[in-house]
Amino acid sequence: MSSSKELRWGKAPAPFSEAGRSLAAASLQSASALLARLAQSLAREPASAVSDPRFEFHAEAGASEGALYVDGRFVGWLPGVSRL
């Protein structure tokens, strides 16, 4: 005994009307913009924590020779510089 169903190939009905799709797209874009602004505000340091930048340079043997850091973040290399 076989259990098979007839498959009909054709165009599936659209799950949303054009107005519904436009409303969903507008809602998602608004939510995305809101989340992007929230992420940027969370990524910023509070005004009280902002101070003069702190520069670090490493030229010790065995360390990252010539590496330049600003506030603990690597910003680049200073080729050919052995000390500041």
PDB file of N, CA and C in Angstrom:
ATOM      1  N   MET A   1       0.835  -1.174   0.000  1.00  0.00           N
ATOM      2  CA  MET A   1       0.000   0.000   0.000  1.00  0.00           C
ATOM      3  C   MET A   1       0.884   1.242   0.000  1.00  0.00           C
ATOM      4  N   SER A   2       0.624   2.117  -0.879  1.00  0.00           N
ATOM      5  CA  SER A   2       1.443   3.292  -1.073  1.00  0.00           C
ATOM      6  C   SER A   2       0.684   4.536  -0.632  1.00  0.00           C
ATOM      7  N   SER A   3       1.407   5.426   0.015  1.00  0.00           N
ATOM      8  CA  SER A   3       0.807   6.689   0.447  1.00  0.00           C
ATOM      9  C   SER A   3       1.443   7.807  -0.356  1.00  0.00           C
ATOM     10  N   SER A   4       0.801   8.194  -1.404  1.00  0.00           N
ATOM     11  CA  SER A   4       1.366   9.260  -2.228  1.00  0.00           C
ATOM     12  C   SER A   4       0.308  10.322  -2.465  1.00  0.00           C
ATOM     13  N   LYS A   5       0.785  11.528  -2.630  1.00  0.00           N
ATOM     14  CA  LYS A   5      -0.108  12.655  -2.884  1.00  0.00           C
ATOM     15  C   LYS A   5       0.259  13.253  -4.229  1.00  0.00           C
ATOM     16  N   GLU A   6      -0.706  13.790  -4.851  1.00  0.00           N
ATOM     17  CA  GLU A   6      -0.477  14.436  -6.129  1.00  0.00           C
ATOM     18  C   GLU A   6       0.121  15.819  -5.887  1.00  0.00           C
ATOM     19  N   LEU A   7       1.238  16.098  -6.543  1.00  0.00           N
ATOM     20  CA  LEU A   7       1.879  17.405  -6.420  1.00  0.00           C
ATOM     21  C   LEU A   7       1.453  18.270  -7.585  1.00  0.00           C
ATOM     22  N   ARG A   8       1.059  19.450  -7.276  1.00  0.00           N
ATOM     23  CA  ARG A   8       0.660  20.398  -8.317  1.00  0.00           C
ATOM     24  C   ARG A   8       1.695  21.507  -8.368  1.00  0.00           C
ATOM     25  N   TRP A   9       2.275  21.676  -9.523  1.00  0.00           N
ATOM     26  CA  TRP A   9       3.273  22.718  -9.710  1.00  0.00           C
ATOM     27  C   TRP A   9       2.594  23.922 -10.311  1.00  0.00           C
ATOM     28  N   GLY A  10       2.801  25.009  -9.688  1.00  0.00           N
ATOM     29  CA  GLY A  10       2.221  26.245 -10.193  1.00  0.00           C
ATOM     30  C   GLY A  10       2.676  27.394  -9.324  1.00  0.00           C
ATOM     31  N   LYS A  11       2.098  28.499  -9.530  1.00  0.00           N
ATOM     32  CA  LYS A  11       2.466  29.678  -8.775  1.00  0.00           C
ATOM     33  C   LYS A  11       1.802  29.621  -7.403  1.00  0.00           C
ATOM     34  N   ALA A  12       2.610  29.773  -6.354  1.00  0.00           N
ATOM     35  CA  ALA A  12       2.070  29.777  -4.999  1.00  0.00           C
ATOM     36  C   ALA A  12       1.395  31.115  -4.740  1.00  0.00           C
ATOM     37  N   PRO A  13       0.368  31.122  -3.958  1.00  0.00           N
ATOM     38  CA  PRO A  13      -0.297  32.394  -3.655  1.00  0.00           C
ATOM     39  C   PRO A  13       0.638  33.281  -2.826  1.00  0.00           C
ATOM     40  N   ALA A  14       0.600  34.567  -3.075  1.00  0.00           N
ATOM     41  CA  ALA A  14       1.431  35.515  -2.338  1.00  0.00           C
ATOM     42  C   ALA A  14       0.971  35.558  -0.886  1.00  0.00           C
ATOM     43  N   PRO A  15       1.915  35.479   0.075  1.00  0.00           N
ATOM     44  CA  PRO A  15       1.518  35.470   1.473  1.00  0.00           C
ATOM     45  C   PRO A  15       1.009  36.818   1.955  1.00  0.00           C
ATOM     46  N   PHE A  16       1.430  37.903   1.319  1.00  0.00           N
ATOM     47  CA  PHE A  16       0.993  39.232   1.725  1.00  0.00           C
ATOM     48  C   PHE A  16       0.519  40.000   0.498  1.00  0.00           C
ATOM     49  N   SER A  17      -0.376  40.923   0.732  1.00  0.00           N
ATOM     50  CA  SER A  17      -0.782  41.815  -0.348  1.00  0.00           C
ATOM     51  C   SER A  17       0.319  42.848  -0.552  1.00  0.00           C
ATOM     52  N   GLU A  18       0.239  43.606  -1.601  1.00  0.00           N
ATOM     53  CA  GLU A  18       1.260  44.631  -1.870  1.00  0.00           C
ATOM     54  C   GLU A  18       1.303  45.649  -0.740  1.00  0.00           C
ATOM     55  N   ALA A  19       0.152  46.033  -0.213  1.00  0.00           N
ATOM     56  CA  ALA A  19       0.116  46.992   0.896  1.00  0.00           C
ATOM     57  C   ALA A  19       0.760  46.390   2.142  1.00  0.00           C
ATOM     58  N   GLY A  20       0.522  45.122   2.385  1.00  0.00           N
ATOM     59  CA  GLY A  20       1.111  44.450   3.547  1.00  0.00           C
ATOM     60  C   GLY A  20       2.618  44.353   3.431  1.00  0.00           C
ATOM     61  N   ARG A  21       3.096  44.065   2.227  1.00  0.00           N
ATOM     62  CA  ARG A  21       4.546  43.988   2.006  1.00  0.00           C
ATOM     63  C   ARG A  21       5.193  45.347   2.203  1.00  0.00           C
ATOM     64  N   SER A  22       4.556  46.400   1.699  1.00  0.00           N
ATOM     65  CA  SER A  22       5.098  47.754   1.862  1.00  0.00           C
ATOM     66  C   SER A  22       5.136  48.150   3.329  1.00  0.00           C
ATOM     67  N   LEU A  23       4.101  47.818   4.069  1.00  0.00           N
ATOM     68  CA  LEU A  23       4.044  48.133   5.496  1.00  0.00           C
ATOM     69  C   LEU A  23       5.117  47.360   6.257  1.00  0.00           C
ATOM     70  N   ALA A  24       5.292  46.088   5.943  1.00  0.00           N
ATOM     71  CA  ALA A  24       6.312  45.277   6.602  1.00  0.00           C
ATOM     72  C   ALA A  24       7.707  45.811   6.291  1.00  0.00           C
ATOM     73  N   ALA A  25       7.958  46.197   5.037  1.00  0.00           N
ATOM     74  CA  ALA A  25       9.270  46.731   4.651  1.00  0.00           C
ATOM     75  C   ALA A  25       9.542  48.045   5.377  1.00  0.00           C
ATOM     76  N   ALA A  26       8.560  48.926   5.443  1.00  0.00           N
ATOM     77  CA  ALA A  26       8.743  50.212   6.124  1.00  0.00           C
ATOM     78  C   ALA A  26       8.999  49.999   7.619  1.00  0.00           C
ATOM     79  N   SER A  27       8.293  49.056   8.213  1.00  0.00           N
ATOM     80  CA  SER A  27       8.486  48.765   9.637  1.00  0.00           C
ATOM     81  C   SER A  27       9.881  48.225   9.899  1.00  0.00           C
ATOM     82  N   LEU A  28      10.350  47.319   9.059  1.00  0.00           N
ATOM     83  CA  LEU A  28      11.685  46.752   9.232  1.00  0.00           C
ATOM     84  C   LEU A  28      12.770  47.809   9.022  1.00  0.00           C
ATOM     85  N   GLN A  29      12.596  48.705   8.062  1.00  0.00           N
ATOM     86  CA  GLN A  29      13.576  49.767   7.839  1.00  0.00           C
ATOM     87  C   GLN A  29      13.632  50.720   9.030  1.00  0.00           C
ATOM     88  N   SER A  30      12.475  51.053   9.589  1.00  0.00           N
ATOM     89  CA  SER A  30      12.440  51.929  10.762  1.00  0.00           C
ATOM     90  C   SER A  30      13.121  51.263  11.953  1.00  0.00           C
ATOM     91  N   ALA A  31      12.831  49.992  12.164  1.00  0.00           N
ATOM     92  CA  ALA A  31      13.448  49.265  13.268  1.00  0.00           C
ATOM     93  C   ALA A  31      14.954  49.174  13.074  1.00  0.00           C
ATOM     94  N   SER A  32      15.400  48.972  11.850  1.00  0.00           N
ATOM     95  CA  SER A  32      16.829  48.893  11.555  1.00  0.00           C
ATOM     96  C   SER A  32      17.519  50.219  11.846  1.00  0.00           C
ATOM     97  N   ALA A  33      16.917  51.326  11.441  1.00  0.00           N
ATOM     98  CA  ALA A  33      17.500  52.647  11.694  1.00  0.00           C
ATOM     99  C   ALA A  33      17.568  52.928  13.199  1.00  0.00           C
ATOM    100  N   LEU A  34      16.535  52.548  13.928  1.00  0.00           N
ATOM    101  CA  LEU A  34      16.516  52.737  15.377  1.00  0.00           C
ATOM    102  C   LEU A  34      17.613  51.916  16.041  1.00  0.00           C
ATOM    103  N   LEU A  35      17.768  50.674  15.629  1.00  0.00           N
ATOM    104  CA  LEU A  35      18.807  49.820  16.204  1.00  0.00           C
ATOM    105  C   LEU A  35      20.209  50.328  15.858  1.00  0.00           C
ATOM    106  N   ALA A  36      20.397  50.869  14.660  1.00  0.00           N
ATOM    107  CA  ALA A  36      21.702  51.420  14.279  1.00  0.00           C
ATOM    108  C   ALA A  36      22.056  52.626  15.152  1.00  0.00           C
ATOM    109  N   ARG A  37      21.082  53.510  15.400  1.00  0.00           N
ATOM    110  CA  ARG A  37      21.335  54.663  16.280  1.00  0.00           C
ATOM    111  C   ARG A  37      21.635  54.210  17.700  1.00  0.00           C
ATOM    112  N   LEU A  38      20.914  53.210  18.177  1.00  0.00           N
ATOM    113  CA  LEU A  38      21.150  52.684  19.521  1.00  0.00           C
ATOM    114  C   LEU A  38      22.548  52.080  19.628  1.00  0.00           C
ATOM    115  N   ALA A  39      22.961  51.327  18.616  1.00  0.00           N
ATOM    116  CA  ALA A  39      24.294  50.719  18.625  1.00  0.00           C
ATOM    117  C   ALA A  39      25.381  51.783  18.636  1.00  0.00           C
ATOM    118  N   GLN A  40      25.215  52.852  17.866  1.00  0.00           N
ATOM    119  CA  GLN A  40      26.212  53.917  17.847  1.00  0.00           C
ATOM    120  C   GLN A  40      26.289  54.630  19.184  1.00  0.00           C
ATOM    121  N   SER A  41      25.148  54.862  19.825  1.00  0.00           N
ATOM    122  CA  SER A  41      25.183  55.534  21.120  1.00  0.00           C
ATOM    123  C   SER A  41      25.802  54.651  22.190  1.00  0.00           C
ATOM    124  N   LEU A  42      25.623  53.352  22.095  1.00  0.00           N
ATOM    125  CA  LEU A  42      26.239  52.442  23.061  1.00  0.00           C
ATOM    126  C   LEU A  42      27.741  52.310  22.827  1.00  0.00           C
ATOM    127  N   ALA A  43      28.191  52.454  21.591  1.00  0.00           N
ATOM    128  CA  ALA A  43      29.601  52.307  21.265  1.00  0.00           C
ATOM    129  C   ALA A  43      30.420  53.519  21.697  1.00  0.00           C
ATOM    130  N   ARG A  44      29.787  54.673  21.803  1.00  0.00           N
ATOM    131  CA  ARG A  44      30.499  55.884  22.209  1.00  0.00           C
ATOM    132  C   ARG A  44      30.853  55.823  23.687  1.00  0.00           C
ATOM    133  N   GLU A  45      32.000  56.386  24.019  1.00  0.00           N
ATOM    134  CA  GLU A  45      32.389  56.466  25.419  1.00  0.00           C
ATOM    135  C   GLU A  45      31.661  57.648  26.052  1.00  0.00           C
ATOM    136  N   PRO A  46      31.323  57.540  27.328  1.00  0.00           N
ATOM    137  CA  PRO A  46      30.690  58.678  27.998  1.00  0.00           C
ATOM    138  C   PRO A  46      31.639  59.876  28.024  1.00  0.00           C
ATOM    139  N   ALA A  47      31.090  61.080  28.034  1.00  0.00           N
ATOM    140  CA  ALA A  47      31.896  62.295  27.996  1.00  0.00           C
ATOM    141  C   ALA A  47      32.857  62.357  29.179  1.00  0.00           C
ATOM    142  N   SER A  48      32.485  61.812  30.315  1.00  0.00           N
ATOM    143  CA  SER A  48      33.346  61.864  31.495  1.00  0.00           C
ATOM    144  C   SER A  48      34.571  60.969  31.331  1.00  0.00           C
ATOM    145  N   ALA A  49      34.506  59.962  30.471  1.00  0.00           N
ATOM    146  CA  ALA A  49      35.617  59.036  30.301  1.00  0.00           C
ATOM    147  C   ALA A  49      36.609  59.501  29.250  1.00  0.00           C
ATOM    148  N   VAL A  50      36.246  60.532  28.481  1.00  0.00           N
ATOM    149  CA  VAL A  50      37.121  61.007  27.413  1.00  0.00           C
ATOM    150  C   VAL A  50      38.235  61.852  28.025  1.00  0.00           C
ATOM    151  N   SER A  51      39.471  61.545  27.677  1.00  0.00           N
ATOM    152  CA  SER A  51      40.621  62.307  28.154  1.00  0.00           C
ATOM    153  C   SER A  51      41.592  62.482  26.995  1.00  0.00           C
ATOM    154  N   ASP A  52      42.743  63.035  27.301  1.00  0.00           N
ATOM    155  CA  ASP A  52      43.767  63.159  26.267  1.00  0.00           C
ATOM    156  C   ASP A  52      44.174  61.768  25.813  1.00  0.00           C
ATOM    157  N   PRO A  53      44.448  61.607  24.515  1.00  0.00           N
ATOM    158  CA  PRO A  53      44.842  60.281  24.039  1.00  0.00           C
ATOM    159  C   PRO A  53      46.177  59.859  24.641  1.00  0.00           C
ATOM    160  N   ARG A  54      46.313  58.589  24.909  1.00  0.00           N
ATOM    161  CA  ARG A  54      47.545  58.037  25.455  1.00  0.00           C
ATOM    162  C   ARG A  54      48.239  57.247  24.360  1.00  0.00           C
ATOM    163  N   PHE A  55      49.447  57.656  24.023  1.00  0.00           N
ATOM    164  CA  PHE A  55      50.216  56.999  22.975  1.00  0.00           C
ATOM    165  C   PHE A  55      51.175  55.998  23.592  1.00  0.00           C
ATOM    166  N   GLU A  56      51.308  54.854  22.959  1.00  0.00           N
ATOM    167  CA  GLU A  56      52.256  53.847  23.405  1.00  0.00           C
ATOM    168  C   GLU A  56      53.058  53.395  22.192  1.00  0.00           C
ATOM    169  N   PHE A  57      54.339  53.165  22.411  1.00  0.00           N
ATOM    170  CA  PHE A  57      55.204  52.682  21.350  1.00  0.00           C
ATOM    171  C   PHE A  57      56.018  51.530  21.916  1.00  0.00           C
ATOM    172  N   HIS A  58      56.088  50.444  21.181  1.00  0.00           N
ATOM    173  CA  HIS A  58      56.811  49.266  21.648  1.00  0.00           C
ATOM    174  C   HIS A  58      57.985  48.986  20.717  1.00  0.00           C
ATOM    175  N   ALA A  59      59.194  48.992  21.296  1.00  0.00           N
ATOM    176  CA  ALA A  59      60.380  48.678  20.511  1.00  0.00           C
ATOM    177  C   ALA A  59      61.285  47.714  21.267  1.00  0.00           C
ATOM    178  N   GLU A  60      60.732  47.021  22.253  1.00  0.00           N
ATOM    179  CA  GLU A  60      61.529  46.064  23.014  1.00  0.00           C
ATOM    180  C   GLU A  60      61.748  44.801  22.197  1.00  0.00           C
ATOM    181  N   ALA A  61      62.862  44.144  22.448  1.00  0.00           N
ATOM    182  CA  ALA A  61      63.140  42.881  21.760  1.00  0.00           C
ATOM    183  C   ALA A  61      62.087  41.858  22.150  1.00  0.00           C
ATOM    184  N   GLY A  62      61.565  41.170  21.174  1.00  0.00           N
ATOM    185  CA  GLY A  62      60.561  40.146  21.424  1.00  0.00           C
ATOM    186  C   GLY A  62      59.147  40.685  21.456  1.00  0.00           C
ATOM    187  N   ALA A  63      58.985  41.985  21.538  1.00  0.00           N
ATOM    188  CA  ALA A  63      57.643  42.581  21.530  1.00  0.00           C
ATOM    189  C   ALA A  63      57.275  42.927  20.091  1.00  0.00           C
ATOM    190  N   SER A  64      56.157  43.548  19.936  1.00  0.00           N
ATOM    191  CA  SER A  64      55.735  43.996  18.599  1.00  0.00           C
ATOM    192  C   SER A  64      56.545  45.233  18.244  1.00  0.00           C
ATOM    193  N   GLU A  65      57.750  45.029  17.738  1.00  0.00           N
ATOM    194  CA  GLU A  65      58.667  46.145  17.506  1.00  0.00           C
ATOM    195  C   GLU A  65      58.112  47.126  16.483  1.00  0.00           C
ATOM    196  N   GLY A  66      58.129  48.396  16.873  1.00  0.00           N
ATOM    197  CA  GLY A  66      57.649  49.449  15.993  1.00  0.00           C
ATOM    198  C   GLY A  66      56.140  49.626  16.007  1.00  0.00           C
ATOM    199  N   ALA A  67      55.444  48.939  16.905  1.00  0.00           N
ATOM    200  CA  ALA A  67      53.986  49.039  16.950  1.00  0.00           C
ATOM    201  C   ALA A  67      53.573  50.305  17.684  1.00  0.00           C
ATOM    202  N   LEU A  68      52.623  51.040  17.127  1.00  0.00           N
ATOM    203  CA  LEU A  68      52.118  52.264  17.731  1.00  0.00           C
ATOM    204  C   LEU A  68      50.672  52.036  18.150  1.00  0.00           C
ATOM    205  N   TYR A  69      50.371  52.373  19.410  1.00  0.00           N
ATOM    206  CA  TYR A  69      49.034  52.213  19.973  1.00  0.00           C
ATOM    207  C   TYR A  69      48.542  53.564  20.463  1.00  0.00           C
ATOM    208  N   VAL A  70      47.250  53.822  20.310  1.00  0.00           N
ATOM    209  CA  VAL A  70      46.612  55.003  20.871  1.00  0.00           C
ATOM    210  C   VAL A  70      45.468  54.506  21.732  1.00  0.00           C
ATOM    211  N   ASP A  71      45.511  54.854  23.006  1.00  0.00           N
ATOM    212  CA  ASP A  71      44.514  54.412  23.985  1.00  0.00           C
ATOM    213  C   ASP A  71      44.327  52.904  23.964  1.00  0.00           C
ATOM    214  N   GLY A  72      45.426  52.182  23.836  1.00  0.00           N
ATOM    215  CA  GLY A  72      45.380  50.729  23.883  1.00  0.00           C
ATOM    216  C   GLY A  72      44.946  50.053  22.601  1.00  0.00           C
ATOM    217  N   ARG A  73      44.681  50.822  21.565  1.00  0.00           N
ATOM    218  CA  ARG A  73      44.272  50.239  20.271  1.00  0.00           C
ATOM    219  C   ARG A  73      45.404  50.389  19.262  1.00  0.00           C
ATOM    220  N   PHE A  74      45.722  49.310  18.584  1.00  0.00           N
ATOM    221  CA  PHE A  74      46.779  49.321  17.579  1.00  0.00           C
ATOM    222  C   PHE A  74      46.376  50.215  16.414  1.00  0.00           C
ATOM    223  N   VAL A  75      47.262  51.159  16.038  1.00  0.00           N
ATOM    224  CA  VAL A  75      46.954  52.044  14.916  1.00  0.00           C
ATOM    225  C   VAL A  75      47.916  51.890  13.754  1.00  0.00           C
ATOM    226  N   GLY A  76      49.082  51.255  13.973  1.00  0.00           N
ATOM    227  CA  GLY A  76      49.984  51.052  12.838  1.00  0.00           C
ATOM    228  C   GLY A  76      51.399  50.756  13.276  1.00  0.00           C
ATOM    229  N   TRP A  77      52.243  50.662  12.282  1.00  0.00           N
ATOM    230  CA  TRP A  77      53.661  50.368  12.490  1.00  0.00           C
ATOM    231  C   TRP A  77      54.472  51.593  12.116  1.00  0.00           C
ATOM    232  N   LEU A  78      55.600  51.767  12.777  1.00  0.00           N
ATOM    233  CA  LEU A  78      56.551  52.811  12.433  1.00  0.00           C
ATOM    234  C   LEU A  78      57.819  52.121  11.931  1.00  0.00           C
ATOM    235  N   PRO A  79      57.896  51.869  10.628  1.00  0.00           N
ATOM    236  CA  PRO A  79      59.041  51.124  10.094  1.00  0.00           C
ATOM    237  C   PRO A  79      60.336  51.900  10.262  1.00  0.00           C
ATOM    238  N   GLY A  80      61.377  51.181  10.668  1.00  0.00           N
ATOM    239  CA  GLY A  80      62.696  51.783  10.806  1.00  0.00           C
ATOM    240  C   GLY A  80      62.890  52.601  12.063  1.00  0.00           C
ATOM    241  N   VAL A  81      61.888  52.736  12.906  1.00  0.00           N
ATOM    242  CA  VAL A  81      62.007  53.511  14.145  1.00  0.00           C
ATOM    243  C   VAL A  81      62.262  52.520  15.280  1.00  0.00           C
ATOM    244  N   SER A  82      63.374  52.721  15.974  1.00  0.00           N
ATOM    245  CA  SER A  82      63.688  51.800  17.067  1.00  0.00           C
ATOM    246  C   SER A  82      63.367  52.399  18.429  1.00  0.00           C
ATOM    247  N   ARG A  83      63.235  53.738  18.517  1.00  0.00           N
ATOM    248  CA  ARG A  83      62.820  54.342  19.774  1.00  0.00           C
ATOM    249  C   ARG A  83      62.288  55.743  19.504  1.00  0.00           C
ATOM    250  N   LEU A  84      61.484  56.222  20.423  1.00  0.00           N
ATOM    251  CA  LEU A  84      60.915  57.574  20.291  1.00  0.00           C
ATOM    252  C   LEU A  84      61.501  58.471  21.352  1.00  0.00           C
TER     253      LEU A  84
END
